[in-house]
Every structure is written in C-alpha cells, then in structure tokens.
Amino acid sequence: MAKQTARLEARISQDVHALIKRAAEIEGRTLTDFVISAASSAALETIEKSEIVRLSGANAAMVANLIIEPPPVNNAMQRAHEHRAMLFGKA
C-alpha cells in the first residue's frame, strides 16, 4: 500500500537556503530529508510543550494526594455532576 504524501513549499532567502543545505551536507542527507526531519522535530517539541503539564515536586504531590483523598463534593460540584448527567446521561 503506497503512502499518501503532501507537498510543502516555502520561499526562503538564499542565505537561509545555503545554511540549510550546508547543514544537510554535513549530516550526509538530502536537503528535503534534512528539512523534513528538522520540521518534524520542531513540530513535536511545540506540541509537547503545549500538551504536557509539568509540575514541581510539591505540586505533583498535591495532585497525587487529591486523587488519593479527594475533597468532599461541594454544591457546585454536585450541580455540575447533575448537569453533566442531564446532558450526557448517567455515567
């Protein structure tokens, strides 16, 4: 089964082109391979930064304690639970 591909084009200055081409040659890769690899790495890093929550040791301990021993349900939480049940059915 053939992989589907998409085309990406970009206009860059000659200086940037020369810089990227030089880096690709140093790594023994094609310009396309180098750009795809660098862009993919940058994209994954950006996504990771936006999706992964990093906590200090104290905050991680606080979250763990709240999971292990949750506080009692207050009125606002009870209303939210009832509203959710009304919208989506009982869980």
Foldseek 3Di string as FASTA:
>chain_A
DDDDDDDDDDDDDPVVVVVLCVVCVVVPHHSVVSVVVVVVVVVVVVVCVVPDDDDDPVVVVVVVVCVVPPDDQDPVNVVVQVVCCVVPNHD
